[in-house]
PDB file of all heavy atoms in Angstrom:
ATOM      1  N   THR A   1      22.647  34.200   1.879  1.00  0.00           N
ATOM      2  CA  THR A   1      21.794  33.397   2.738  1.00  0.00           C
ATOM      3  C   THR A   1      22.249  31.952   2.767  1.00  0.00           C
ATOM      4  O   THR A   1      22.966  31.491   1.865  1.00  0.00           O
ATOM      5  CB  THR A   1      20.308  33.427   2.275  1.00  0.00           C
ATOM      6  OG1 THR A   1      20.226  32.777   1.009  1.00  0.00           O
ATOM      7  CG2 THR A   1      19.765  34.814   2.202  1.00  0.00           C
ATOM      8  N   ALA A   2      21.818  31.244   3.803  1.00  0.00           N
ATOM      9  CA  ALA A   2      21.998  29.805   3.884  1.00  0.00           C
ATOM     10  C   ALA A   2      20.903  29.256   4.799  1.00  0.00           C
ATOM     11  O   ALA A   2      20.370  30.011   5.638  1.00  0.00           O
ATOM     12  CB  ALA A   2      23.381  29.445   4.436  1.00  0.00           C
ATOM     13  N   SER A   3      20.568  27.981   4.619  1.00  0.00           N
ATOM     14  CA  SER A   3      19.498  27.425   5.432  1.00  0.00           C
ATOM     15  C   SER A   3      19.758  25.962   5.733  1.00  0.00           C
ATOM     16  O   SER A   3      20.613  25.305   5.123  1.00  0.00           O
ATOM     17  CB  SER A   3      18.153  27.588   4.731  1.00  0.00           C
ATOM     18  OG  SER A   3      18.174  26.942   3.468  1.00  0.00           O
ATOM     19  N   PHE A   4      18.990  25.456   6.681  1.00  0.00           N
ATOM     20  CA  PHE A   4      19.057  24.046   7.110  1.00  0.00           C
ATOM     21  C   PHE A   4      17.646  23.643   7.524  1.00  0.00           C
ATOM     22  O   PHE A   4      16.967  24.410   8.205  1.00  0.00           O
ATOM     23  CB  PHE A   4      20.026  23.916   8.274  1.00  0.00           C
ATOM     24  CG  PHE A   4      20.073  22.550   8.900  1.00  0.00           C
ATOM     25  CD1 PHE A   4      20.677  21.484   8.248  1.00  0.00           C
ATOM     26  CD2 PHE A   4      19.512  22.330  10.148  1.00  0.00           C
ATOM     27  CE1 PHE A   4      20.728  20.224   8.831  1.00  0.00           C
ATOM     28  CE2 PHE A   4      19.555  21.080  10.751  1.00  0.00           C
ATOM     29  CZ  PHE A   4      20.164  20.033  10.078  1.00  0.00           C
ATOM     30  N   MET A   5      17.215  22.465   7.141  1.00  0.00           N
ATOM     31  CA  MET A   5      15.863  21.997   7.448  1.00  0.00           C
ATOM     32  C   MET A   5      15.927  20.694   8.250  1.00  0.00           C
ATOM     33  O   MET A   5      16.757  19.824   7.945  1.00  0.00           O
ATOM     34  CB  MET A   5      15.090  21.753   6.147  1.00  0.00           C
ATOM     35  CG  MET A   5      13.654  21.336   6.351  1.00  0.00           C
ATOM     36  SD  MET A   5      12.813  20.934   4.793  1.00  0.00           S
ATOM     37  CE  MET A   5      12.887  22.484   3.915  1.00  0.00           C
ATOM     38  N   LYS A   6      15.065  20.607   9.273  1.00  0.00           N
ATOM     39  CA  LYS A   6      15.014  19.384  10.093  1.00  0.00           C
ATOM     40  C   LYS A   6      13.606  19.191  10.642  1.00  0.00           C
ATOM     41  O   LYS A   6      12.978  20.143  11.050  1.00  0.00           O
ATOM     42  CB  LYS A   6      15.988  19.492  11.252  1.00  0.00           C
ATOM     43  CG  LYS A   6      15.927  18.306  12.202  1.00  0.00           C
ATOM     44  CD  LYS A   6      17.058  18.283  13.180  1.00  0.00           C
ATOM     45  CE  LYS A   6      17.024  17.106  14.119  1.00  0.00           C
ATOM     46  NZ  LYS A   6      16.620  15.824  13.596  1.00  0.00           N
ATOM     47  N   THR A   7      13.152  17.937  10.645  1.00  0.00           N
ATOM     48  CA  THR A   7      11.889  17.592  11.299  1.00  0.00           C
ATOM     49  C   THR A   7      12.217  17.232  12.753  1.00  0.00           C
ATOM     50  O   THR A   7      13.078  16.388  12.995  1.00  0.00           O
ATOM     51  CB  THR A   7      11.205  16.442  10.588  1.00  0.00           C
ATOM     52  OG1 THR A   7      10.932  16.829   9.232  1.00  0.00           O
ATOM     53  CG2 THR A   7       9.903  16.069  11.274  1.00  0.00           C
ATOM     54  N   ILE A   8      11.550  17.902  13.680  1.00  0.00           N
ATOM     55  CA  ILE A   8      11.808  17.710  15.114  1.00  0.00           C
ATOM     56  C   ILE A   8      11.065  16.469  15.587  1.00  0.00           C
ATOM     57  O   ILE A   8       9.835  16.392  15.509  1.00  0.00           O
ATOM     58  CB  ILE A   8      11.357  18.953  15.923  1.00  0.00           C
ATOM     59  CG1 ILE A   8      12.050  20.213  15.401  1.00  0.00           C
ATOM     60  CG2 ILE A   8      11.607  18.727  17.418  1.00  0.00           C
ATOM     61  CD1 ILE A   8      13.557  20.206  15.490  1.00  0.00           C
ATOM     62  N   SER A   9      11.820  15.510  16.106  1.00  0.00           N
ATOM     63  CA  SER A   9      11.224  14.256  16.566  1.00  0.00           C
ATOM     64  C   SER A   9      11.136  14.222  18.083  1.00  0.00           C
ATOM     65  O   SER A   9      11.774  15.020  18.781  1.00  0.00           O
ATOM     66  CB  SER A   9      12.076  13.071  16.086  1.00  0.00           C
ATOM     67  OG  SER A   9      13.332  13.059  16.763  1.00  0.00           O
ATOM     68  N   GLU A  10      10.368  13.282  18.580  1.00  0.00           N
ATOM     69  CA  GLU A  10      10.273  13.065  20.018  1.00  0.00           C
ATOM     70  C   GLU A  10      11.650  12.738  20.596  1.00  0.00           C
ATOM     71  O   GLU A  10      12.029  13.244  21.638  1.00  0.00           O
ATOM     72  CB  GLU A  10       9.268  11.951  20.313  1.00  0.00           C
ATOM     73  CG  GLU A  10       9.073  11.677  21.779  1.00  0.00           C
ATOM     74  CD  GLU A  10       8.001  10.625  22.027  1.00  0.00           C
ATOM     75  OE1 GLU A  10       7.897   9.669  21.227  1.00  0.00           O
ATOM     76  OE2 GLU A  10       7.284  10.755  23.020  1.00  0.00           O
ATOM     77  N   SER A  11      12.414  11.925  19.881  1.00  0.00           N
ATOM     78  CA  SER A  11      13.744  11.566  20.391  1.00  0.00           C
ATOM     79  C   SER A  11      14.681  12.771  20.423  1.00  0.00           C
ATOM     80  O   SER A  11      15.507  12.884  21.344  1.00  0.00           O
ATOM     81  CB  SER A  11      14.359  10.411  19.601  1.00  0.00           C
ATOM     82  OG  SER A  11      14.539  10.747  18.266  1.00  0.00           O
ATOM     83  N   ASP A  12      14.556  13.697  19.471  1.00  0.00           N
ATOM     84  CA  ASP A  12      15.358  14.931  19.506  1.00  0.00           C
ATOM     85  C   ASP A  12      15.107  15.668  20.822  1.00  0.00           C
ATOM     86  O   ASP A  12      16.047  16.118  21.496  1.00  0.00           O
ATOM     87  CB  ASP A  12      15.015  15.882  18.365  1.00  0.00           C
ATOM     88  CG  ASP A  12      15.403  15.362  16.995  1.00  0.00           C
ATOM     89  OD1 ASP A  12      16.436  14.630  16.891  1.00  0.00           O
ATOM     90  OD2 ASP A  12      14.689  15.694  16.023  1.00  0.00           O
ATOM     91  N   VAL A  13      13.840  15.789  21.187  1.00  0.00           N
ATOM     92  CA  VAL A  13      13.460  16.532  22.391  1.00  0.00           C
ATOM     93  C   VAL A  13      13.945  15.799  23.631  1.00  0.00           C
ATOM     94  O   VAL A  13      14.498  16.436  24.557  1.00  0.00           O
ATOM     95  CB  VAL A  13      11.936  16.787  22.422  1.00  0.00           C
ATOM     96  CG1 VAL A  13      11.512  17.408  23.743  1.00  0.00           C
ATOM     97  CG2 VAL A  13      11.521  17.684  21.255  1.00  0.00           C
ATOM     98  N   TYR A  14      13.768  14.496  23.683  1.00  0.00           N
ATOM     99  CA  TYR A  14      14.232  13.732  24.836  1.00  0.00           C
ATOM    100  C   TYR A  14      15.745  13.772  24.997  1.00  0.00           C
ATOM    101  O   TYR A  14      16.280  13.869  26.097  1.00  0.00           O
ATOM    102  CB  TYR A  14      13.712  12.301  24.807  1.00  0.00           C
ATOM    103  CG  TYR A  14      12.329  12.174  25.383  1.00  0.00           C
ATOM    104  CD1 TYR A  14      11.206  12.357  24.560  1.00  0.00           C
ATOM    105  CD2 TYR A  14      12.130  11.906  26.714  1.00  0.00           C
ATOM    106  CE1 TYR A  14       9.936  12.261  25.084  1.00  0.00           C
ATOM    107  CE2 TYR A  14      10.847  11.813  27.246  1.00  0.00           C
ATOM    108  CZ  TYR A  14       9.748  12.003  26.425  1.00  0.00           C
ATOM    109  OH  TYR A  14       8.484  11.915  26.955  1.00  0.00           O
ATOM    110  N   LEU A  15      16.467  13.653  23.892  1.00  0.00           N
ATOM    111  CA  LEU A  15      17.921  13.732  23.953  1.00  0.00           C
ATOM    112  C   LEU A  15      18.360  15.109  24.445  1.00  0.00           C
ATOM    113  O   LEU A  15      19.270  15.229  25.271  1.00  0.00           O
ATOM    114  CB  LEU A  15      18.547  13.424  22.577  1.00  0.00           C
ATOM    115  CG  LEU A  15      18.503  11.970  22.167  1.00  0.00           C
ATOM    116  CD1 LEU A  15      18.851  11.823  20.690  1.00  0.00           C
ATOM    117  CD2 LEU A  15      19.439  11.129  23.028  1.00  0.00           C
ATOM    118  N   PHE A  16      17.741  16.146  23.927  1.00  0.00           N
ATOM    119  CA  PHE A  16      18.076  17.502  24.340  1.00  0.00           C
ATOM    120  C   PHE A  16      17.781  17.690  25.835  1.00  0.00           C
ATOM    121  O   PHE A  16      18.616  18.261  26.558  1.00  0.00           O
ATOM    122  CB  PHE A  16      17.299  18.544  23.512  1.00  0.00           C
ATOM    123  CG  PHE A  16      17.744  19.940  23.711  1.00  0.00           C
ATOM    124  CD1 PHE A  16      18.815  20.435  23.008  1.00  0.00           C
ATOM    125  CD2 PHE A  16      17.122  20.764  24.622  1.00  0.00           C
ATOM    126  CE1 PHE A  16      19.258  21.752  23.187  1.00  0.00           C
ATOM    127  CE2 PHE A  16      17.529  22.072  24.811  1.00  0.00           C
ATOM    128  CZ  PHE A  16      18.602  22.562  24.099  1.00  0.00           C
ATOM    129  N   ALA A  17      16.652  17.186  26.305  1.00  0.00           N
ATOM    130  CA  ALA A  17      16.317  17.269  27.732  1.00  0.00           C
ATOM    131  C   ALA A  17      17.363  16.558  28.564  1.00  0.00           C
ATOM    132  O   ALA A  17      17.805  17.038  29.607  1.00  0.00           O
ATOM    133  CB  ALA A  17      14.926  16.695  27.991  1.00  0.00           C
ATOM    134  N   GLY A  18      17.804  15.403  28.111  1.00  0.00           N
ATOM    135  CA  GLY A  18      18.810  14.647  28.842  1.00  0.00           C
ATOM    136  C   GLY A  18      20.142  15.344  28.890  1.00  0.00           C
ATOM    137  O   GLY A  18      20.823  15.360  29.920  1.00  0.00           O
ATOM    138  N   ILE A  19      20.540  15.943  27.788  1.00  0.00           N
ATOM    139  CA  ILE A  19      21.821  16.663  27.723  1.00  0.00           C
ATOM    140  C   ILE A  19      21.799  17.897  28.606  1.00  0.00           C
ATOM    141  O   ILE A  19      22.749  18.167  29.330  1.00  0.00           O
ATOM    142  CB  ILE A  19      22.164  17.031  26.260  1.00  0.00           C
ATOM    143  CG1 ILE A  19      22.466  15.768  25.453  1.00  0.00           C
ATOM    144  CG2 ILE A  19      23.319  18.041  26.191  1.00  0.00           C
ATOM    145  CD1 ILE A  19      22.480  15.978  23.969  1.00  0.00           C
ATOM    146  N   THR A  20      20.713  18.638  28.550  1.00  0.00           N
ATOM    147  CA  THR A  20      20.664  19.943  29.264  1.00  0.00           C
ATOM    148  C   THR A  20      20.116  19.842  30.673  1.00  0.00           C
ATOM    149  O   THR A  20      20.340  20.747  31.472  1.00  0.00           O
ATOM    150  CB  THR A  20      19.797  20.950  28.498  1.00  0.00           C
ATOM    151  OG1 THR A  20      18.452  20.446  28.460  1.00  0.00           O
ATOM    152  CG2 THR A  20      20.315  21.193  27.094  1.00  0.00           C
ATOM    153  N   GLY A  21      19.365  18.791  30.976  1.00  0.00           N
ATOM    154  CA  GLY A  21      18.717  18.693  32.263  1.00  0.00           C
ATOM    155  C   GLY A  21      17.392  19.444  32.337  1.00  0.00           C
ATOM    156  O   GLY A  21      16.736  19.493  33.385  1.00  0.00           O
ATOM    157  N   ASP A  22      16.951  20.016  31.197  1.00  0.00           N
ATOM    158  CA  ASP A  22      15.655  20.718  31.150  1.00  0.00           C
ATOM    159  C   ASP A  22      14.553  19.714  30.904  1.00  0.00           C
ATOM    160  O   ASP A  22      14.232  19.409  29.767  1.00  0.00           O
ATOM    161  CB  ASP A  22      15.672  21.803  30.082  1.00  0.00           C
ATOM    162  CG  ASP A  22      14.372  22.604  30.017  1.00  0.00           C
ATOM    163  OD1 ASP A  22      13.400  22.227  30.716  1.00  0.00           O
ATOM    164  OD2 ASP A  22      14.325  23.594  29.264  1.00  0.00           O
ATOM    165  N   ASN A  23      14.011  19.180  31.979  1.00  0.00           N
ATOM    166  CA  ASN A  23      12.955  18.172  31.901  1.00  0.00           C
ATOM    167  C   ASN A  23      11.579  18.776  32.186  1.00  0.00           C
ATOM    168  O   ASN A  23      10.691  18.110  32.734  1.00  0.00           O
ATOM    169  CB  ASN A  23      13.268  17.048  32.883  1.00  0.00           C
ATOM    170  CG  ASN A  23      14.501  16.285  32.478  1.00  0.00           C
ATOM    171  OD1 ASN A  23      14.621  15.838  31.369  1.00  0.00           O
ATOM    172  ND2 ASN A  23      15.466  16.194  33.399  1.00  0.00           N
ATOM    173  N   ASN A  24      11.382  19.997  31.792  1.00  0.00           N
ATOM    174  CA  ASN A  24      10.111  20.692  31.932  1.00  0.00           C
ATOM    175  C   ASN A  24       9.003  19.812  31.355  1.00  0.00           C
ATOM    176  O   ASN A  24       9.134  19.334  30.220  1.00  0.00           O
ATOM    177  CB  ASN A  24      10.189  22.031  31.196  1.00  0.00           C
ATOM    178  CG  ASN A  24       8.958  22.883  31.345  1.00  0.00           C
ATOM    179  OD1 ASN A  24       7.842  22.394  31.464  1.00  0.00           O
ATOM    180  ND2 ASN A  24       9.165  24.190  31.329  1.00  0.00           N
ATOM    181  N   PRO A  25       7.911  19.597  32.105  1.00  0.00           N
ATOM    182  CA  PRO A  25       6.806  18.763  31.598  1.00  0.00           C
ATOM    183  C   PRO A  25       6.248  19.256  30.250  1.00  0.00           C
ATOM    184  O   PRO A  25       5.696  18.451  29.493  1.00  0.00           O
ATOM    185  CB  PRO A  25       5.744  18.882  32.695  1.00  0.00           C
ATOM    186  CG  PRO A  25       6.506  19.190  33.926  1.00  0.00           C
ATOM    187  CD  PRO A  25       7.679  20.049  33.471  1.00  0.00           C
ATOM    188  N   ALA A  26       6.417  20.526  29.923  1.00  0.00           N
ATOM    189  CA  ALA A  26       5.939  21.026  28.637  1.00  0.00           C
ATOM    190  C   ALA A  26       6.633  20.313  27.473  1.00  0.00           C
ATOM    191  O   ALA A  26       6.111  20.288  26.364  1.00  0.00           O
ATOM    192  CB  ALA A  26       6.181  22.536  28.532  1.00  0.00           C
ATOM    193  N   HIS A  27       7.786  19.732  27.771  1.00  0.00           N
ATOM    194  CA  HIS A  27       8.564  19.060  26.730  1.00  0.00           C
ATOM    195  C   HIS A  27       8.469  17.529  26.790  1.00  0.00           C
ATOM    196  O   HIS A  27       8.534  16.871  25.772  1.00  0.00           O
ATOM    197  CB  HIS A  27      10.048  19.448  26.819  1.00  0.00           C
ATOM    198  CG  HIS A  27      10.273  20.908  26.872  1.00  0.00           C
ATOM    199  ND1 HIS A  27       9.825  21.787  25.880  1.00  0.00           N
ATOM    200  CD2 HIS A  27      10.917  21.684  27.789  1.00  0.00           C
ATOM    201  CE1 HIS A  27      10.167  23.018  26.206  1.00  0.00           C
ATOM    202  NE2 HIS A  27      10.840  22.984  27.343  1.00  0.00           N
ATOM    203  N   ILE A  28       8.314  16.972  27.996  1.00  0.00           N
ATOM    204  CA  ILE A  28       8.479  15.514  28.119  1.00  0.00           C
ATOM    205  C   ILE A  28       7.289  14.770  28.745  1.00  0.00           C
ATOM    206  O   ILE A  28       7.313  13.557  28.810  1.00  0.00           O
ATOM    207  CB  ILE A  28       9.748  15.171  28.916  1.00  0.00           C
ATOM    208  CG1 ILE A  28       9.668  15.671  30.346  1.00  0.00           C
ATOM    209  CG2 ILE A  28      10.997  15.705  28.214  1.00  0.00           C
ATOM    210  CD1 ILE A  28      10.717  15.100  31.260  1.00  0.00           C
ATOM    211  N   ASN A  29       6.263  15.484  29.180  1.00  0.00           N
ATOM    212  CA  ASN A  29       5.125  14.811  29.835  1.00  0.00           C
ATOM    213  C   ASN A  29       3.829  15.215  29.096  1.00  0.00           C
ATOM    214  O   ASN A  29       3.288  16.297  29.314  1.00  0.00           O
ATOM    215  CB  ASN A  29       5.074  15.203  31.288  1.00  0.00           C
ATOM    216  CG  ASN A  29       4.014  14.460  32.068  1.00  0.00           C
ATOM    217  OD1 ASN A  29       2.880  14.304  31.612  1.00  0.00           O
ATOM    218  ND2 ASN A  29       4.377  14.021  33.277  1.00  0.00           N
ATOM    219  N   GLN A  30       3.338  14.304  28.269  1.00  0.00           N
ATOM    220  CA  GLN A  30       2.162  14.618  27.441  1.00  0.00           C
ATOM    221  C   GLN A  30       0.958  15.011  28.281  1.00  0.00           C
ATOM    222  O   GLN A  30       0.254  15.986  27.969  1.00  0.00           O
ATOM    223  CB  GLN A  30       1.822  13.427  26.530  1.00  0.00           C
ATOM    224  CG  GLN A  30       0.623  13.659  25.631  1.00  0.00           C
ATOM    225  CD  GLN A  30       0.836  14.755  24.605  1.00  0.00           C
ATOM    226  OE1 GLN A  30       1.947  15.042  24.188  1.00  0.00           O
ATOM    227  NE2 GLN A  30      -0.254  15.379  24.176  1.00  0.00           N
ATOM    228  N   ILE A  31       0.673  14.284  29.352  1.00  0.00           N
ATOM    229  CA  ILE A  31      -0.509  14.548  30.184  1.00  0.00           C
ATOM    230  C   ILE A  31      -0.427  15.934  30.800  1.00  0.00           C
ATOM    231  O   ILE A  31      -1.389  16.709  30.733  1.00  0.00           O
ATOM    232  CB  ILE A  31      -0.682  13.459  31.256  1.00  0.00           C
ATOM    233  CG1 ILE A  31      -1.038  12.131  30.553  1.00  0.00           C
ATOM    234  CG2 ILE A  31      -1.758  13.826  32.262  1.00  0.00           C
ATOM    235  CD1 ILE A  31      -0.981  10.910  31.440  1.00  0.00           C
ATOM    236  N   GLU A  32       0.722  16.266  31.371  1.00  0.00           N
ATOM    237  CA  GLU A  32       0.883  17.594  31.957  1.00  0.00           C
ATOM    238  C   GLU A  32       0.903  18.681  30.896  1.00  0.00           C
ATOM    239  O   GLU A  32       0.325  19.754  31.071  1.00  0.00           O
ATOM    240  CB  GLU A  32       2.181  17.658  32.802  1.00  0.00           C
ATOM    241  CG  GLU A  32       2.097  16.869  34.086  1.00  0.00           C
ATOM    242  CD  GLU A  32       0.969  17.323  35.006  1.00  0.00           C
ATOM    243  OE1 GLU A  32       0.822  18.541  35.232  1.00  0.00           O
ATOM    244  OE2 GLU A  32       0.242  16.455  35.497  1.00  0.00           O
ATOM    245  N   ALA A  33       1.552  18.417  29.757  1.00  0.00           N
ATOM    246  CA  ALA A  33       1.634  19.421  28.675  1.00  0.00           C
ATOM    247  C   ALA A  33       0.254  19.738  28.113  1.00  0.00           C
ATOM    248  O   ALA A  33      -0.009  20.864  27.725  1.00  0.00           O
ATOM    249  CB  ALA A  33       2.572  18.909  27.582  1.00  0.00           C
ATOM    250  N   GLU A  34      -0.644  18.735  28.099  1.00  0.00           N
ATOM    251  CA  GLU A  34      -2.000  18.989  27.603  1.00  0.00           C
ATOM    252  C   GLU A  34      -2.764  19.993  28.456  1.00  0.00           C
ATOM    253  O   GLU A  34      -3.678  20.635  27.992  1.00  0.00           O
ATOM    254  CB  GLU A  34      -2.785  17.674  27.514  1.00  0.00           C
ATOM    255  CG  GLU A  34      -2.324  16.805  26.372  1.00  0.00           C
ATOM    256  CD  GLU A  34      -2.978  15.434  26.354  1.00  0.00           C
ATOM    257  OE1 GLU A  34      -3.758  15.100  27.267  1.00  0.00           O
ATOM    258  OE2 GLU A  34      -2.665  14.661  25.419  1.00  0.00           O
ATOM    259  N   LYS A  35      -2.365  20.144  29.702  1.00  0.00           N
ATOM    260  CA  LYS A  35      -2.993  21.117  30.613  1.00  0.00           C
ATOM    261  C   LYS A  35      -2.442  22.524  30.402  1.00  0.00           C
ATOM    262  O   LYS A  35      -3.009  23.485  30.907  1.00  0.00           O
ATOM    263  CB  LYS A  35      -2.759  20.707  32.065  1.00  0.00           C
ATOM    264  CG  LYS A  35      -3.342  19.354  32.435  1.00  0.00           C
ATOM    265  CD  LYS A  35      -2.922  18.988  33.845  1.00  0.00           C
ATOM    266  CE  LYS A  35      -3.310  17.549  34.203  1.00  0.00           C
ATOM    267  NZ  LYS A  35      -2.772  17.172  35.518  1.00  0.00           N
ATOM    268  N   GLY A  36      -1.349  22.639  29.676  1.00  0.00           N
ATOM    269  CA  GLY A  36      -0.692  23.941  29.501  1.00  0.00           C
ATOM    270  C   GLY A  36      -1.219  24.741  28.329  1.00  0.00           C
ATOM    271  O   GLY A  36      -2.173  24.356  27.652  1.00  0.00           O
ATOM    272  N   ALA A  37      -0.556  25.838  28.093  1.00  0.00           N
ATOM    273  CA  ALA A  37      -0.974  26.806  27.094  1.00  0.00           C
ATOM    274  C   ALA A  37      -0.998  26.245  25.677  1.00  0.00           C
ATOM    275  O   ALA A  37      -1.784  26.671  24.845  1.00  0.00           O
ATOM    276  CB  ALA A  37      -0.053  28.025  27.132  1.00  0.00           C
ATOM    277  N   PHE A  38      -0.119  25.259  25.384  1.00  0.00           N
ATOM    278  CA  PHE A  38       0.009  24.781  24.017  1.00  0.00           C
ATOM    279  C   PHE A  38      -0.732  23.445  23.765  1.00  0.00           C
ATOM    280  O   PHE A  38      -0.679  22.893  22.684  1.00  0.00           O
ATOM    281  CB  PHE A  38       1.477  24.675  23.634  1.00  0.00           C
ATOM    282  CG  PHE A  38       2.195  25.981  23.767  1.00  0.00           C
ATOM    283  CD1 PHE A  38       3.187  26.158  24.681  1.00  0.00           C
ATOM    284  CD2 PHE A  38       1.831  27.062  22.964  1.00  0.00           C
ATOM    285  CE1 PHE A  38       3.841  27.360  24.815  1.00  0.00           C
ATOM    286  CE2 PHE A  38       2.459  28.282  23.085  1.00  0.00           C
ATOM    287  CZ  PHE A  38       3.469  28.443  24.030  1.00  0.00           C
ATOM    288  N   LYS A  39      -1.393  22.926  24.797  1.00  0.00           N
ATOM    289  CA  LYS A  39      -2.243  21.737  24.693  1.00  0.00           C
ATOM    290  C   LYS A  39      -1.497  20.494  24.222  1.00  0.00           C
ATOM    291  O   LYS A  39      -2.089  19.606  23.633  1.00  0.00           O
ATOM    292  CB  LYS A  39      -3.448  22.001  23.788  1.00  0.00           C
ATOM    293  CG  LYS A  39      -4.268  23.221  24.204  1.00  0.00           C
ATOM    294  CD  LYS A  39      -4.822  23.026  25.579  1.00  0.00           C
ATOM    295  CE  LYS A  39      -5.651  24.271  25.978  1.00  0.00           C
ATOM    296  NZ  LYS A  39      -5.639  24.509  27.398  1.00  0.00           N
ATOM    297  N   GLY A  40      -0.214  20.442  24.453  1.00  0.00           N
ATOM    298  CA  GLY A  40       0.587  19.283  24.077  1.00  0.00           C
ATOM    299  C   GLY A  40       2.064  19.609  24.236  1.00  0.00           C
ATOM    300  O   GLY A  40       2.441  20.753  24.528  1.00  0.00           O
TER     301      GLY A  40
END
């Protein structure tokens, strides 16, 4: 076995969105995400 641990930050998500172009509001828009299934 092997493992790796990381705390996911807001900047991690924004950088990933910028790199991939996946700007889904579920990831980058708090107001819209609060209306969704995960409430944030």
